[in-house]
Amino acid sequence: MIMQLPARLDALMVELKKLLNECVASSDIHHIGYEFYRVGRKDADFATTAIHGISAVMFLAQSSVQCARFTYQEMHELGENVANIYMECEFQSGVIAHLRFCPVAGVVVERATVNAYQLTFYAELPIWNAYNYPGRLIHLENG
């Protein structure tokens, strides 16, 4: 199942996907990294927020997850269920993804990195008035 992208990320992510479609076959994407950092989020269940990062990566990979592994770094001193969540995914297309969800970091940021042969794309997503606002998209090729 390929998830829909949250409306708040549409413009920049759609532009990134357009560039990916123009420059590389989806089967040639090697790796997608996704950073999802928040400040002071001590939700009992951060998964309802983290799902947006997962759907963004699935949107870029245009593939279903074949397997996923999770690592939880619990911070009991901050509250019950407060944890950094690290997710490693392998997609049916062969893409490997690493997602980092850190709800009590020092910055509000969402960033995606996509690597293919001789190509790297960085998307600094424009969420709220956060550190990356108003966002930018970087396309690097052959160094």
N, C-alpha and C. Protein backbone atom coordinates (compact mmCIF):
# COMPACT_ATOMS: atom_id res chain seq x y z
N MET A 1 0.84 -1.18 0.00
CA MET A 1 0.00 0.00 0.00
C MET A 1 0.88 1.25 0.00
N ILE A 2 0.64 2.16 -0.94
CA ILE A 2 1.37 3.42 -1.00
C ILE A 2 0.51 4.49 -0.37
N MET A 3 1.04 5.15 0.64
CA MET A 3 0.25 6.11 1.41
C MET A 3 0.21 7.46 0.71
N GLN A 4 -0.84 8.22 1.00
CA GLN A 4 -0.97 9.58 0.50
C GLN A 4 -0.10 10.52 1.33
N LEU A 5 0.38 11.56 0.70
CA LEU A 5 1.22 12.54 1.35
C LEU A 5 0.36 13.55 2.12
N PRO A 6 0.74 13.90 3.35
CA PRO A 6 -0.02 14.93 4.07
C PRO A 6 -0.01 16.25 3.30
N ALA A 7 -1.12 16.94 3.30
CA ALA A 7 -1.26 18.18 2.53
C ALA A 7 -0.19 19.21 2.88
N ARG A 8 0.26 19.26 4.14
CA ARG A 8 1.21 20.28 4.55
C ARG A 8 2.57 20.13 3.87
N LEU A 9 2.85 18.98 3.27
CA LEU A 9 4.14 18.76 2.62
C LEU A 9 4.04 18.72 1.11
N ASP A 10 2.86 18.88 0.57
CA ASP A 10 2.65 18.65 -0.85
C ASP A 10 3.62 19.36 -1.78
N ALA A 11 3.73 20.67 -1.73
CA ALA A 11 4.46 21.43 -2.75
C ALA A 11 5.92 21.00 -2.90
N LEU A 12 6.68 20.99 -1.82
CA LEU A 12 8.09 20.65 -1.91
C LEU A 12 8.31 19.17 -2.22
N MET A 13 7.53 18.30 -1.60
CA MET A 13 7.67 16.87 -1.85
C MET A 13 7.24 16.50 -3.27
N VAL A 14 6.20 17.14 -3.76
CA VAL A 14 5.78 16.88 -5.14
C VAL A 14 6.87 17.34 -6.11
N GLU A 15 7.51 18.46 -5.82
CA GLU A 15 8.61 18.93 -6.67
C GLU A 15 9.79 17.96 -6.61
N LEU A 16 10.11 17.45 -5.42
CA LEU A 16 11.16 16.45 -5.29
C LEU A 16 10.81 15.21 -6.09
N LYS A 17 9.58 14.74 -5.97
CA LYS A 17 9.16 13.54 -6.70
C LYS A 17 9.24 13.78 -8.21
N LYS A 18 8.88 14.97 -8.65
CA LYS A 18 8.98 15.33 -10.08
C LYS A 18 10.44 15.25 -10.54
N LEU A 19 11.35 15.81 -9.74
CA LEU A 19 12.78 15.73 -10.08
C LEU A 19 13.27 14.28 -10.11
N LEU A 20 12.85 13.50 -9.14
CA LEU A 20 13.24 12.09 -9.12
C LEU A 20 12.74 11.38 -10.38
N ASN A 21 11.50 11.63 -10.77
CA ASN A 21 10.95 11.00 -11.96
C ASN A 21 11.70 11.42 -13.22
N GLU A 22 12.18 12.66 -13.26
CA GLU A 22 12.91 13.16 -14.43
C GLU A 22 14.34 12.64 -14.48
N CYS A 23 14.94 12.40 -13.31
CA CYS A 23 16.38 12.14 -13.25
C CYS A 23 16.76 10.68 -13.00
N VAL A 24 15.86 9.90 -12.43
CA VAL A 24 16.26 8.55 -12.02
C VAL A 24 15.03 7.64 -12.00
N ALA A 25 15.22 6.40 -12.39
CA ALA A 25 14.15 5.42 -12.25
C ALA A 25 13.96 5.10 -10.77
N SER A 26 12.72 4.91 -10.35
CA SER A 26 12.48 4.64 -8.92
C SER A 26 13.22 3.40 -8.46
N SER A 27 13.47 2.46 -9.36
CA SER A 27 14.21 1.24 -8.99
C SER A 27 15.70 1.51 -8.78
N ASP A 28 16.17 2.70 -9.19
CA ASP A 28 17.59 3.05 -9.02
C ASP A 28 17.86 3.89 -7.78
N ILE A 29 16.82 4.19 -7.01
CA ILE A 29 17.02 4.89 -5.74
C ILE A 29 17.61 3.89 -4.76
N HIS A 30 18.72 4.26 -4.14
CA HIS A 30 19.40 3.37 -3.21
C HIS A 30 18.92 3.54 -1.77
N HIS A 31 18.79 4.81 -1.38
CA HIS A 31 18.55 5.08 0.04
C HIS A 31 17.73 6.34 0.21
N ILE A 32 16.85 6.31 1.19
CA ILE A 32 16.11 7.50 1.61
C ILE A 32 16.31 7.65 3.12
N GLY A 33 16.73 8.81 3.51
CA GLY A 33 16.85 9.14 4.93
C GLY A 33 15.80 10.17 5.29
N TYR A 34 15.26 10.10 6.48
CA TYR A 34 14.24 11.05 6.90
C TYR A 34 14.46 11.42 8.35
N GLU A 35 14.63 12.70 8.61
CA GLU A 35 14.80 13.23 9.96
C GLU A 35 13.50 13.92 10.35
N PHE A 36 13.00 13.59 11.51
CA PHE A 36 11.72 14.11 11.99
C PHE A 36 11.93 14.49 13.44
N TYR A 37 12.29 15.74 13.69
CA TYR A 37 12.64 16.19 15.03
C TYR A 37 11.62 17.19 15.54
N ARG A 38 11.32 17.09 16.80
CA ARG A 38 10.41 18.01 17.47
C ARG A 38 11.02 18.43 18.80
N VAL A 39 10.43 19.46 19.40
CA VAL A 39 10.88 19.97 20.70
C VAL A 39 9.75 19.77 21.71
N GLY A 40 10.09 19.13 22.82
CA GLY A 40 9.17 19.03 23.93
C GLY A 40 7.90 18.22 23.70
N ARG A 41 7.93 17.30 22.75
CA ARG A 41 6.75 16.46 22.48
C ARG A 41 6.82 15.22 23.36
N LYS A 42 6.00 15.17 24.36
CA LYS A 42 5.99 14.06 25.30
C LYS A 42 4.70 13.26 25.19
N ASP A 43 4.19 13.17 23.97
CA ASP A 43 2.94 12.45 23.70
C ASP A 43 3.05 11.01 24.19
N ALA A 44 1.97 10.49 24.69
CA ALA A 44 1.94 9.08 25.09
C ALA A 44 2.10 8.17 23.87
N ASP A 45 1.67 8.64 22.71
CA ASP A 45 1.81 7.87 21.48
C ASP A 45 2.21 8.80 20.35
N PHE A 46 3.51 8.90 20.08
CA PHE A 46 4.03 9.78 19.03
C PHE A 46 3.79 9.20 17.64
N ALA A 47 3.35 7.95 17.57
CA ALA A 47 3.14 7.29 16.27
C ALA A 47 2.12 8.04 15.43
N THR A 48 1.15 8.68 16.04
CA THR A 48 0.14 9.40 15.27
C THR A 48 0.73 10.60 14.55
N THR A 49 1.87 11.09 15.01
CA THR A 49 2.61 12.15 14.33
C THR A 49 3.66 11.54 13.40
N ALA A 50 4.36 10.53 13.86
CA ALA A 50 5.43 9.90 13.07
C ALA A 50 4.92 9.30 11.77
N ILE A 51 3.66 8.92 11.71
CA ILE A 51 3.12 8.32 10.50
C ILE A 51 3.28 9.25 9.30
N HIS A 52 3.34 10.55 9.53
CA HIS A 52 3.52 11.50 8.43
C HIS A 52 4.89 11.34 7.78
N GLY A 53 5.92 11.06 8.58
CA GLY A 53 7.24 10.81 8.01
C GLY A 53 7.28 9.51 7.24
N ILE A 54 6.61 8.50 7.76
CA ILE A 54 6.56 7.21 7.07
C ILE A 54 5.84 7.36 5.74
N SER A 55 4.74 8.09 5.71
CA SER A 55 4.01 8.27 4.46
C SER A 55 4.82 9.09 3.46
N ALA A 56 5.61 10.04 3.93
CA ALA A 56 6.46 10.82 3.02
C ALA A 56 7.51 9.94 2.37
N VAL A 57 8.12 9.05 3.15
CA VAL A 57 9.14 8.14 2.59
C VAL A 57 8.50 7.17 1.61
N MET A 58 7.33 6.66 1.94
CA MET A 58 6.64 5.75 1.01
C MET A 58 6.28 6.48 -0.29
N PHE A 59 5.91 7.75 -0.19
CA PHE A 59 5.60 8.57 -1.36
C PHE A 59 6.84 8.68 -2.26
N LEU A 60 8.00 8.92 -1.66
CA LEU A 60 9.23 9.06 -2.45
C LEU A 60 9.67 7.72 -3.04
N ALA A 61 9.55 6.66 -2.27
CA ALA A 61 9.98 5.33 -2.73
C ALA A 61 9.01 4.75 -3.76
N GLN A 62 7.79 5.18 -3.74
CA GLN A 62 6.72 4.65 -4.60
C GLN A 62 6.70 3.13 -4.57
N SER A 63 6.76 2.61 -3.37
CA SER A 63 6.81 1.17 -3.19
C SER A 63 6.25 0.84 -1.81
N SER A 64 5.88 -0.38 -1.62
CA SER A 64 5.42 -0.84 -0.33
C SER A 64 6.60 -1.35 0.50
N VAL A 65 6.46 -1.24 1.80
CA VAL A 65 7.49 -1.73 2.71
C VAL A 65 7.47 -3.26 2.72
N GLN A 66 8.64 -3.84 2.52
CA GLN A 66 8.78 -5.30 2.57
C GLN A 66 9.03 -5.76 3.99
N CYS A 67 9.91 -5.04 4.69
CA CYS A 67 10.16 -5.33 6.10
C CYS A 67 10.63 -4.06 6.79
N ALA A 68 10.40 -4.01 8.09
CA ALA A 68 10.80 -2.85 8.88
C ALA A 68 11.30 -3.32 10.23
N ARG A 69 12.31 -2.61 10.73
CA ARG A 69 12.86 -2.88 12.05
C ARG A 69 12.81 -1.57 12.85
N PHE A 70 12.43 -1.67 14.09
CA PHE A 70 12.32 -0.50 14.96
C PHE A 70 13.27 -0.63 16.14
N THR A 71 13.85 0.49 16.51
CA THR A 71 14.63 0.58 17.73
C THR A 71 14.07 1.75 18.53
N TYR A 72 13.83 1.52 19.81
CA TYR A 72 13.28 2.54 20.68
C TYR A 72 14.32 2.93 21.72
N GLN A 73 14.54 4.22 21.85
CA GLN A 73 15.44 4.75 22.86
C GLN A 73 14.56 5.46 23.88
N GLU A 74 14.17 4.73 24.89
CA GLU A 74 13.21 5.25 25.86
C GLU A 74 13.85 6.26 26.80
N MET A 75 13.06 7.26 27.16
CA MET A 75 13.50 8.31 28.08
C MET A 75 12.48 8.40 29.21
N HIS A 76 12.51 7.40 30.08
CA HIS A 76 11.53 7.29 31.16
C HIS A 76 11.50 8.53 32.05
N GLU A 77 12.64 9.19 32.19
CA GLU A 77 12.69 10.37 33.05
C GLU A 77 11.84 11.52 32.50
N LEU A 78 11.46 11.46 31.23
CA LEU A 78 10.64 12.52 30.62
C LEU A 78 9.16 12.18 30.58
N GLY A 79 8.85 10.94 30.90
CA GLY A 79 7.44 10.54 30.90
C GLY A 79 7.26 9.15 30.31
N GLU A 80 6.11 8.59 30.61
CA GLU A 80 5.79 7.26 30.10
C GLU A 80 5.68 7.29 28.58
N ASN A 81 6.32 6.36 27.92
CA ASN A 81 6.29 6.19 26.47
C ASN A 81 7.03 7.26 25.68
N VAL A 82 7.77 8.15 26.32
CA VAL A 82 8.57 9.13 25.58
C VAL A 82 9.82 8.41 25.09
N ALA A 83 10.03 8.43 23.77
CA ALA A 83 11.16 7.70 23.20
C ALA A 83 11.51 8.25 21.83
N ASN A 84 12.79 8.17 21.51
CA ASN A 84 13.21 8.34 20.12
C ASN A 84 12.92 7.01 19.42
N ILE A 85 12.47 7.11 18.20
CA ILE A 85 12.13 5.92 17.43
C ILE A 85 12.98 5.92 16.16
N TYR A 86 13.68 4.84 15.95
CA TYR A 86 14.51 4.68 14.76
C TYR A 86 13.94 3.53 13.95
N MET A 87 13.74 3.77 12.66
CA MET A 87 13.09 2.79 11.81
C MET A 87 13.96 2.54 10.59
N GLU A 88 14.22 1.28 10.32
CA GLU A 88 14.93 0.89 9.10
C GLU A 88 13.96 0.08 8.25
N CYS A 89 13.80 0.49 7.00
CA CYS A 89 12.84 -0.16 6.10
C CYS A 89 13.54 -0.68 4.85
N GLU A 90 13.06 -1.79 4.39
CA GLU A 90 13.43 -2.27 3.06
C GLU A 90 12.15 -2.33 2.26
N PHE A 91 12.16 -1.66 1.12
CA PHE A 91 10.98 -1.61 0.26
C PHE A 91 11.04 -2.70 -0.79
N GLN A 92 9.90 -3.05 -1.33
CA GLN A 92 9.85 -4.08 -2.37
C GLN A 92 10.69 -3.69 -3.59
N SER A 93 10.85 -2.39 -3.82
CA SER A 93 11.65 -1.90 -4.95
C SER A 93 13.15 -2.04 -4.71
N GLY A 94 13.55 -2.36 -3.47
CA GLY A 94 14.96 -2.45 -3.14
C GLY A 94 15.50 -1.25 -2.39
N VAL A 95 14.72 -0.18 -2.31
CA VAL A 95 15.14 1.02 -1.57
C VAL A 95 15.28 0.67 -0.09
N ILE A 96 16.35 1.17 0.52
CA ILE A 96 16.55 1.08 1.96
C ILE A 96 16.28 2.47 2.53
N ALA A 97 15.56 2.54 3.63
CA ALA A 97 15.28 3.84 4.25
C ALA A 97 15.59 3.77 5.74
N HIS A 98 16.08 4.87 6.25
CA HIS A 98 16.32 5.05 7.68
C HIS A 98 15.56 6.30 8.12
N LEU A 99 14.69 6.14 9.08
CA LEU A 99 13.90 7.24 9.60
C LEU A 99 14.23 7.44 11.06
N ARG A 100 14.36 8.71 11.45
CA ARG A 100 14.66 9.05 12.84
C ARG A 100 13.58 9.99 13.36
N PHE A 101 12.87 9.54 14.38
CA PHE A 101 11.82 10.34 15.01
C PHE A 101 12.29 10.68 16.41
N CYS A 102 12.60 11.94 16.63
CA CYS A 102 13.12 12.38 17.92
C CYS A 102 12.22 13.50 18.45
N PRO A 103 11.25 13.15 19.31
CA PRO A 103 10.24 14.12 19.73
C PRO A 103 10.69 15.14 20.77
N VAL A 104 11.85 14.94 21.38
CA VAL A 104 12.31 15.90 22.38
C VAL A 104 13.71 16.40 22.03
N ALA A 105 13.93 16.67 20.74
CA ALA A 105 15.21 17.19 20.26
C ALA A 105 15.29 18.69 20.53
N GLY A 106 16.31 19.31 20.04
CA GLY A 106 16.52 20.75 20.25
C GLY A 106 16.04 21.62 19.11
N VAL A 107 15.38 21.00 18.11
CA VAL A 107 14.95 21.76 16.93
C VAL A 107 13.73 21.09 16.31
N VAL A 108 12.88 21.90 15.68
CA VAL A 108 11.76 21.36 14.90
C VAL A 108 12.21 21.33 13.45
N VAL A 109 12.35 20.11 12.92
CA VAL A 109 12.88 19.93 11.56
C VAL A 109 12.26 18.69 10.94
N GLU A 110 12.02 18.78 9.63
CA GLU A 110 11.77 17.59 8.82
C GLU A 110 12.63 17.72 7.58
N ARG A 111 13.40 16.68 7.32
CA ARG A 111 14.31 16.66 6.17
C ARG A 111 14.31 15.29 5.53
N ALA A 112 14.37 15.29 4.22
CA ALA A 112 14.50 14.04 3.48
C ALA A 112 15.77 14.09 2.65
N THR A 113 16.46 12.97 2.57
CA THR A 113 17.63 12.81 1.72
C THR A 113 17.39 11.60 0.84
N VAL A 114 17.57 11.77 -0.46
CA VAL A 114 17.38 10.66 -1.40
C VAL A 114 18.67 10.48 -2.17
N ASN A 115 19.20 9.25 -2.16
CA ASN A 115 20.42 8.93 -2.89
C ASN A 115 20.15 7.91 -3.98
N ALA A 116 20.67 8.19 -5.16
CA ALA A 116 20.67 7.26 -6.28
C ALA A 116 22.07 7.33 -6.87
N TYR A 117 22.34 6.55 -7.90
CA TYR A 117 23.67 6.55 -8.49
C TYR A 117 24.04 7.95 -8.99
N GLN A 118 25.09 8.54 -8.42
CA GLN A 118 25.63 9.85 -8.78
C GLN A 118 24.67 11.01 -8.51
N LEU A 119 23.58 10.77 -7.79
CA LEU A 119 22.59 11.81 -7.51
C LEU A 119 22.23 11.82 -6.03
N THR A 120 22.10 13.02 -5.48
CA THR A 120 21.59 13.18 -4.13
C THR A 120 20.64 14.37 -4.13
N PHE A 121 19.53 14.19 -3.43
CA PHE A 121 18.55 15.25 -3.27
C PHE A 121 18.33 15.48 -1.78
N TYR A 122 18.26 16.74 -1.39
CA TYR A 122 17.93 17.12 -0.02
C TYR A 122 16.65 17.95 -0.07
N ALA A 123 15.70 17.59 0.74
CA ALA A 123 14.48 18.38 0.88
C ALA A 123 14.37 18.83 2.33
N GLU A 124 14.47 20.12 2.53
CA GLU A 124 14.29 20.70 3.86
C GLU A 124 12.87 21.24 3.89
N LEU A 125 12.02 20.54 4.59
CA LEU A 125 10.58 20.79 4.50
C LEU A 125 10.14 22.00 5.30
N PRO A 126 9.24 22.78 4.73
CA PRO A 126 8.80 24.04 5.34
C PRO A 126 7.64 23.87 6.30
N ILE A 127 7.92 23.32 7.47
CA ILE A 127 6.85 23.14 8.44
C ILE A 127 6.82 24.33 9.38
N TRP A 128 5.62 24.87 9.56
CA TRP A 128 5.39 26.00 10.44
C TRP A 128 6.45 27.08 10.23
N ASN A 129 6.92 27.68 11.29
CA ASN A 129 8.02 28.64 11.22
C ASN A 129 9.27 28.02 11.83
N ALA A 130 9.49 26.76 11.51
CA ALA A 130 10.58 25.99 12.10
C ALA A 130 11.91 26.36 11.45
N TYR A 131 12.94 25.70 11.90
CA TYR A 131 14.31 25.99 11.47
C TYR A 131 14.48 26.00 9.96
N ASN A 132 13.87 25.06 9.24
CA ASN A 132 14.03 24.98 7.79
C ASN A 132 13.09 25.90 7.01
N TYR A 133 12.24 26.64 7.69
CA TYR A 133 11.27 27.49 7.01
C TYR A 133 11.99 28.57 6.22
N PRO A 134 11.66 28.86 4.98
CA PRO A 134 10.52 28.39 4.21
C PRO A 134 10.77 27.12 3.41
N GLY A 135 11.86 26.42 3.67
CA GLY A 135 12.15 25.16 2.99
C GLY A 135 13.00 25.37 1.75
N ARG A 136 13.64 24.28 1.33
CA ARG A 136 14.39 24.34 0.08
C ARG A 136 14.65 22.93 -0.41
N LEU A 137 14.91 22.84 -1.69
CA LEU A 137 15.18 21.58 -2.36
C LEU A 137 16.53 21.69 -3.05
N ILE A 138 17.42 20.75 -2.77
CA ILE A 138 18.77 20.77 -3.32
C ILE A 138 18.96 19.52 -4.15
N HIS A 139 19.49 19.67 -5.36
CA HIS A 139 19.77 18.56 -6.27
C HIS A 139 21.26 18.60 -6.59
N LEU A 140 21.97 17.54 -6.18
CA LEU A 140 23.41 17.44 -6.42
C LEU A 140 23.68 16.25 -7.34
N GLU A 141 24.61 16.45 -8.27
CA GLU A 141 24.91 15.38 -9.23
C GLU A 141 26.41 15.32 -9.48
N ASN A 142 26.96 14.13 -9.41
CA ASN A 142 28.38 13.89 -9.69
C ASN A 142 29.30 14.79 -8.87
N GLY A 143 28.95 15.04 -7.62
CA GLY A 143 29.80 15.83 -6.75
C GLY A 143 29.53 17.31 -6.86
